[in-house]
Amino acid sequence: SGPHKGRLDSYRQDYATRLSEHTGRNVLVYFDGWLQYPGVTGVHFGIHDADKTGFMTCAHGMDRSKGLDLILHTPGGDVAATESIIDYLHSLYEGNIRAIVPQIAMSGGTLMALSCSEIVMGRQSSIGPVDPQIMGMPAQGILEEFNLAAEQIRADQSRIHLWQPIMSKYWPTLITSCQHAIDWSDELMGRYLSNCMFKDEDEAERDKKIQRISRLLGKQSESKSHNRHISPDQARDLGIKVTSLEEDNRLQDLVLTLHHALTITCQTTGSVKIIENQNGVSYVAKLQQPK
């Protein structure tokens, strides 16, 4: 962001500033443009290590005593990068972080939201399963398929010919990598829920909630699809602390106007990722970076 900002930049900053003034909290936007550019290849959508630079840039000079409202719109991404960003934000704000999901925060985005003290969602908002993906395939699905093949071949050796074309596509360490990814994701979700959202709850009740959340959001056998959309009511039923965006008309207006401005910015400027705070400090990635 330079001194000569465009109208959209000024509009977004104005609403982010108004949002911060309304809540008395810092605002940090993490907006991914994957929905605006379906089918576009060669662009690194989703959460990855380079995003850490954006979070660091936008964290500089903030009054951390005010806490943070983290506005999330992302399909998820790399587990290691997600863990690193969450740990970084918590080191700054010591758990005083609230997630706001105007539309969608899936996979790693859901993990980010679950690491916060609460999640603000509107009727249109969704979170999703956090079961890890290996090369675009669900790790748990790969393990279940492998175990099914082993059982069927053990019972009937002739079935090896049916399974061979599938198994030939598995590479060394794939099964071990899948198990490690699942264990890692489960461990992160349990740790983040224990340390923030459920930190003040009775240990037995906290453990029951985490197990229930882990079953649906962490196990593909329960969620059925990595793309499953979990509504605010479904999230509440799991025990997740969800606040309705509609409870505060002013908050709803500010959040949704900012979200629409971000959407239009991506559609009209070629931006594929926007990370910015209420002070106008921003980190923007575009389809074509200047040479």
Protein backbone atom coordinates (compact mmCIF):
# COMPACT_ATOMS: atom_id res chain seq x y z
CA SER A 1 0.00 0.00 0.00
CA GLY A 2 1.48 3.31 -1.10
CA PRO A 3 0.43 6.86 -0.36
CA HIS A 4 -1.78 7.04 -3.47
CA LYS A 5 -4.39 4.46 -2.61
CA GLY A 6 -7.22 3.52 -4.93
CA ARG A 7 -10.85 4.03 -4.00
CA LEU A 8 -11.32 0.39 -3.03
CA ASP A 9 -8.30 0.48 -0.74
CA SER A 10 -9.59 3.60 0.99
CA TYR A 11 -13.09 2.11 1.25
CA ARG A 12 -11.78 -1.10 2.87
CA GLN A 13 -9.57 0.82 5.27
CA ASP A 14 -12.47 3.06 6.26
CA TYR A 15 -14.66 0.10 7.16
CA ALA A 16 -11.87 -1.78 8.92
CA THR A 17 -11.23 1.36 10.99
CA ARG A 18 -14.94 1.73 11.78
CA LEU A 19 -15.07 -1.93 12.78
CA SER A 20 -12.13 -1.48 15.14
CA GLU A 21 -13.73 1.63 16.65
CA HIS A 22 -17.02 -0.23 17.14
CA THR A 23 -15.48 -3.22 18.92
CA GLY A 24 -12.55 -1.47 20.61
CA ARG A 25 -10.36 -4.25 19.25
CA ASN A 26 -7.68 -4.61 16.60
CA VAL A 27 -8.85 -5.92 13.23
CA LEU A 28 -6.79 -8.25 11.05
CA VAL A 29 -8.21 -9.45 7.74
CA TYR A 30 -7.06 -12.68 6.11
CA PHE A 31 -8.91 -12.89 2.77
CA ASP A 32 -8.18 -15.43 0.04
CA GLY A 33 -9.51 -14.93 -3.49
CA TRP A 34 -9.87 -18.59 -4.47
CA LEU A 35 -13.62 -18.21 -5.11
CA GLN A 36 -13.02 -15.32 -7.50
CA TYR A 37 -10.57 -17.31 -9.65
CA PRO A 38 -11.88 -20.88 -10.00
CA GLY A 39 -9.75 -23.04 -12.24
CA VAL A 40 -6.80 -20.64 -12.26
CA THR A 41 -3.54 -22.58 -12.02
CA GLY A 42 -0.07 -21.52 -11.00
CA VAL A 43 -1.37 -19.40 -8.11
CA HIS A 44 -0.72 -20.36 -4.50
CA PHE A 45 -4.17 -19.99 -2.99
CA GLY A 46 -4.70 -21.04 0.61
CA ILE A 47 -2.56 -20.84 3.73
CA HIS A 48 1.19 -21.16 3.17
CA ASP A 49 4.44 -20.02 4.73
CA ALA A 50 4.73 -16.82 2.69
CA ASP A 51 1.59 -15.55 4.46
CA LYS A 52 3.60 -15.24 7.67
CA THR A 53 5.24 -12.14 6.19
CA GLY A 54 1.83 -10.55 5.80
CA PHE A 55 0.82 -11.34 9.37
CA MET A 56 4.11 -9.96 10.68
CA THR A 57 3.76 -6.78 8.59
CA CYS A 58 0.23 -6.15 9.83
CA ALA A 59 1.04 -6.94 13.48
CA HIS A 60 3.72 -4.28 13.72
CA GLY A 61 2.86 -1.27 15.86
CA MET A 62 -0.50 -2.57 17.09
CA ASP A 63 -1.77 -1.99 20.63
CA ARG A 64 -1.97 -5.64 21.62
CA SER A 65 -3.76 -4.91 24.90
CA LYS A 66 -6.93 -4.32 22.84
CA GLY A 67 -7.02 -7.94 21.64
CA LEU A 68 -7.63 -9.04 18.07
CA ASP A 69 -10.58 -9.75 15.80
CA LEU A 70 -9.31 -12.09 13.08
CA ILE A 71 -11.53 -11.97 9.98
CA LEU A 72 -11.11 -15.22 8.06
CA HIS A 73 -12.03 -16.15 4.49
CA THR A 74 -9.90 -19.05 3.29
CA PRO A 75 -10.08 -22.60 1.90
CA GLY A 76 -7.31 -23.70 4.29
CA GLY A 77 -3.90 -24.93 3.27
CA ASP A 78 -0.61 -26.20 4.65
CA VAL A 79 -0.84 -27.60 8.20
CA ALA A 80 2.67 -26.50 9.19
CA ALA A 81 2.07 -22.94 7.98
CA THR A 82 -1.31 -22.86 9.76
CA GLU A 83 0.29 -23.98 13.02
CA SER A 84 3.06 -21.42 12.69
CA ILE A 85 0.66 -18.52 12.05
CA ILE A 86 -1.64 -19.52 14.93
CA ASP A 87 1.27 -19.82 17.35
CA TYR A 88 2.62 -16.46 16.19
CA LEU A 89 -0.70 -14.66 16.74
CA HIS A 90 -1.16 -16.25 20.16
CA SER A 91 2.34 -15.21 21.18
CA LEU A 92 1.29 -11.62 20.47
CA TYR A 93 -2.21 -11.58 21.91
CA GLU A 94 -2.01 -14.32 24.58
CA GLY A 95 -5.29 -15.90 23.50
CA ASN A 96 -7.28 -12.66 23.32
CA ILE A 97 -8.31 -13.43 19.75
CA ARG A 98 -11.82 -13.68 18.35
CA ALA A 99 -12.47 -15.19 14.91
CA ILE A 100 -15.04 -13.64 12.58
CA VAL A 101 -16.16 -15.73 9.59
CA PRO A 102 -18.24 -13.64 7.15
CA GLN A 103 -18.61 -16.49 4.66
CA ILE A 104 -16.22 -19.48 4.62
CA ALA A 105 -13.22 -20.63 6.64
CA MET A 106 -12.45 -24.23 5.72
CA SER A 107 -9.82 -26.78 6.76
CA GLY A 108 -6.82 -24.82 8.12
CA GLY A 109 -9.08 -21.76 8.29
CA THR A 110 -11.38 -23.72 10.61
CA LEU A 111 -8.35 -24.70 12.70
CA MET A 112 -7.45 -20.99 12.95
CA ALA A 113 -11.02 -20.21 14.07
CA LEU A 114 -11.04 -23.04 16.62
CA SER A 115 -7.83 -21.67 18.15
CA CYS A 116 -9.69 -18.48 19.12
CA SER A 117 -11.81 -17.73 22.19
CA GLU A 118 -15.00 -17.70 20.11
CA ILE A 119 -16.19 -17.65 16.50
CA VAL A 120 -18.58 -15.00 15.21
CA MET A 121 -20.68 -16.43 12.36
CA GLY A 122 -23.68 -15.20 10.37
CA ARG A 123 -26.46 -17.38 9.00
CA GLN A 124 -24.53 -17.56 5.73
CA SER A 125 -21.21 -18.53 7.36
CA SER A 126 -19.57 -21.95 7.24
CA ILE A 127 -16.60 -23.74 8.72
CA GLY A 128 -15.51 -27.22 7.68
CA PRO A 129 -13.63 -30.42 8.50
CA VAL A 130 -9.93 -30.18 9.34
CA ASP A 131 -8.98 -33.70 8.27
CA PRO A 132 -5.60 -33.38 6.50
CA GLN A 133 -5.17 -33.79 2.76
CA ILE A 134 -2.20 -35.48 1.06
CA MET A 135 -1.70 -34.30 -2.54
CA GLY A 136 -5.37 -33.30 -2.65
CA MET A 137 -6.60 -36.62 -1.25
CA PRO A 138 -8.01 -37.17 2.27
CA ALA A 139 -5.36 -38.85 4.41
CA GLN A 140 -7.96 -40.79 6.36
CA GLY A 141 -9.64 -41.97 3.17
CA ILE A 142 -6.31 -43.32 1.91
CA LEU A 143 -5.76 -45.23 5.17
CA GLU A 144 -9.30 -46.67 5.13
CA GLU A 145 -8.88 -47.76 1.52
CA PHE A 146 -5.51 -49.38 2.29
CA ASN A 147 -6.96 -51.26 5.28
CA LEU A 148 -9.95 -52.41 3.22
CA ALA A 149 -7.59 -53.72 0.53
CA ALA A 150 -5.52 -55.58 3.14
CA GLU A 151 -8.64 -57.20 4.63
CA GLN A 152 -10.07 -58.26 1.27
CA ILE A 153 -6.76 -59.67 0.02
CA ARG A 154 -6.25 -61.52 3.31
CA ALA A 155 -9.68 -63.12 2.88
CA ASP A 156 -9.30 -63.84 -0.84
CA GLN A 157 -5.89 -63.76 -2.55
CA SER A 158 -7.49 -63.45 -5.99
CA ARG A 159 -8.58 -59.93 -5.09
CA ILE A 160 -4.98 -58.71 -5.27
CA HIS A 161 -5.45 -58.26 -9.04
CA LEU A 162 -8.39 -55.90 -8.41
CA TRP A 163 -6.42 -53.79 -5.94
CA GLN A 164 -3.08 -53.79 -7.72
CA PRO A 165 -3.83 -50.84 -10.09
CA ILE A 166 -4.78 -48.69 -7.09
CA MET A 167 -1.93 -49.79 -4.84
CA SER A 168 0.61 -49.24 -7.62
CA LYS A 169 -0.12 -45.50 -7.34
CA TYR A 170 0.89 -45.43 -3.67
CA TRP A 171 4.42 -44.21 -3.09
CA PRO A 172 6.82 -45.24 -0.29
CA THR A 173 5.98 -43.67 3.10
CA LEU A 174 2.48 -42.60 1.91
CA ILE A 175 0.63 -44.64 4.55
CA THR A 176 2.96 -43.50 7.32
CA SER A 177 2.67 -39.88 6.16
CA CYS A 178 -1.12 -40.13 6.21
CA GLN A 179 -1.14 -41.44 9.79
CA HIS A 180 1.30 -38.76 10.94
CA ALA A 181 -0.78 -36.01 9.29
CA ILE A 182 -3.97 -37.25 10.99
CA ASP A 183 -2.29 -37.50 14.40
CA TRP A 184 -0.76 -34.03 13.95
CA SER A 185 -4.07 -32.40 12.98
CA ASP A 186 -5.91 -34.07 15.90
CA GLU A 187 -3.18 -32.98 18.32
CA LEU A 188 -3.30 -29.37 17.12
CA MET A 189 -7.09 -29.14 17.31
CA GLY A 190 -7.17 -30.61 20.81
CA ARG A 191 -4.34 -28.37 22.02
CA TYR A 192 -5.81 -25.17 20.61
CA LEU A 193 -9.30 -25.85 21.96
CA SER A 194 -7.87 -26.69 25.40
CA ASN A 195 -5.62 -23.65 25.55
CA CYS A 196 -8.15 -21.01 24.49
CA MET A 197 -11.82 -21.66 23.73
CA PHE A 198 -12.33 -24.24 26.50
CA LYS A 199 -9.53 -23.25 28.86
CA ASP A 200 -11.89 -22.25 31.71
CA GLU A 201 -14.14 -25.30 31.51
CA ASP A 202 -14.19 -28.38 33.70
CA GLU A 203 -11.58 -30.84 32.40
CA ALA A 204 -14.00 -33.74 31.94
CA GLU A 205 -16.54 -31.58 30.10
CA ARG A 206 -13.77 -30.02 28.02
CA ASP A 207 -12.46 -33.44 26.97
CA LYS A 208 -15.95 -34.60 25.97
CA LYS A 209 -16.45 -31.53 23.79
CA ILE A 210 -13.07 -31.92 22.13
CA GLN A 211 -13.77 -35.59 21.36
CA ARG A 212 -17.15 -34.69 19.84
CA ILE A 213 -15.64 -31.91 17.73
CA SER A 214 -12.73 -34.13 16.69
CA ARG A 215 -15.08 -36.89 15.54
CA LEU A 216 -16.99 -34.69 13.10
CA LEU A 217 -14.35 -32.16 12.06
CA GLY A 218 -11.29 -34.41 12.24
CA LYS A 219 -12.55 -37.73 10.88
CA GLN A 220 -13.58 -38.08 7.25
CA SER A 221 -15.52 -41.22 8.14
CA GLU A 222 -17.83 -38.92 10.14
CA SER A 223 -17.82 -35.73 8.04
CA LYS A 224 -17.97 -37.76 4.76
CA SER A 225 -16.36 -34.93 2.77
CA HIS A 226 -13.51 -32.48 3.30
CA ASN A 227 -15.72 -29.85 1.61
CA ARG A 228 -18.63 -30.31 4.00
CA HIS A 229 -20.02 -26.97 5.17
CA ILE A 230 -20.76 -26.75 8.90
CA SER A 231 -23.38 -24.11 9.75
CA PRO A 232 -23.38 -21.97 12.92
CA ASP A 233 -26.13 -24.12 14.48
CA GLN A 234 -24.22 -27.34 13.71
CA ALA A 235 -21.08 -25.81 15.22
CA ARG A 236 -23.00 -24.84 18.38
CA ASP A 237 -24.42 -28.35 18.65
CA LEU A 238 -20.85 -29.65 18.76
CA GLY A 239 -20.11 -27.34 21.69
CA ILE A 240 -18.10 -24.75 19.75
CA LYS A 241 -18.49 -21.23 21.14
CA VAL A 242 -20.30 -19.46 18.32
CA THR A 243 -21.70 -15.93 18.56
CA SER A 244 -24.34 -14.84 16.05
CA LEU A 245 -23.28 -11.97 13.80
CA GLU A 246 -26.93 -10.91 13.67
CA GLU A 247 -26.94 -10.13 17.41
CA ASP A 248 -25.22 -6.80 16.70
CA ASN A 249 -26.66 -5.00 13.67
CA ARG A 250 -23.81 -2.51 13.51
CA LEU A 251 -21.19 -5.28 13.67
CA GLN A 252 -23.01 -7.22 10.97
CA ASP A 253 -23.15 -4.19 8.66
CA LEU A 254 -19.45 -3.39 9.14
CA VAL A 255 -18.23 -6.97 8.72
CA LEU A 256 -20.31 -7.77 5.65
CA THR A 257 -19.56 -4.44 3.94
CA LEU A 258 -15.84 -5.03 4.51
CA HIS A 259 -16.18 -8.58 3.20
CA HIS A 260 -17.96 -7.38 0.05
CA ALA A 261 -15.30 -4.73 -0.50
CA LEU A 262 -12.61 -7.39 -0.25
CA THR A 263 -14.48 -9.59 -2.73
CA ILE A 264 -14.81 -6.72 -5.23
CA THR A 265 -11.13 -5.83 -4.78
CA CYS A 266 -10.09 -9.36 -5.75
CA GLN A 267 -12.48 -9.43 -8.71
CA THR A 268 -11.35 -6.12 -10.16
CA THR A 269 -7.64 -5.86 -9.33
CA GLY A 270 -6.29 -9.38 -9.79
CA SER A 271 -5.56 -9.67 -6.08
CA VAL A 272 -5.57 -13.27 -4.88
CA LYS A 273 -4.81 -12.65 -1.19
CA ILE A 274 -5.25 -9.66 1.09
CA ILE A 275 -3.90 -9.44 4.64
CA GLU A 276 -4.47 -6.07 6.29
CA ASN A 277 -5.26 -4.29 9.55
CA GLN A 278 -7.46 -1.37 10.57
CA ASN A 279 -4.58 1.10 10.17
CA GLY A 280 -4.34 0.52 6.42
CA VAL A 281 -1.19 -1.61 6.61
CA SER A 282 -1.61 -4.37 4.03
CA TYR A 283 0.06 -7.28 2.29
CA VAL A 284 -1.44 -8.11 -1.11
CA ALA A 285 -0.58 -10.92 -3.53
CA LYS A 286 -1.71 -10.58 -7.15
CA LEU A 287 -2.09 -12.85 -10.16
CA GLN A 288 0.79 -11.15 -11.94
CA GLN A 289 3.48 -9.71 -9.75
CA PRO A 290 5.43 -6.81 -11.32
CA LYS A 291 8.78 -7.86 -12.78
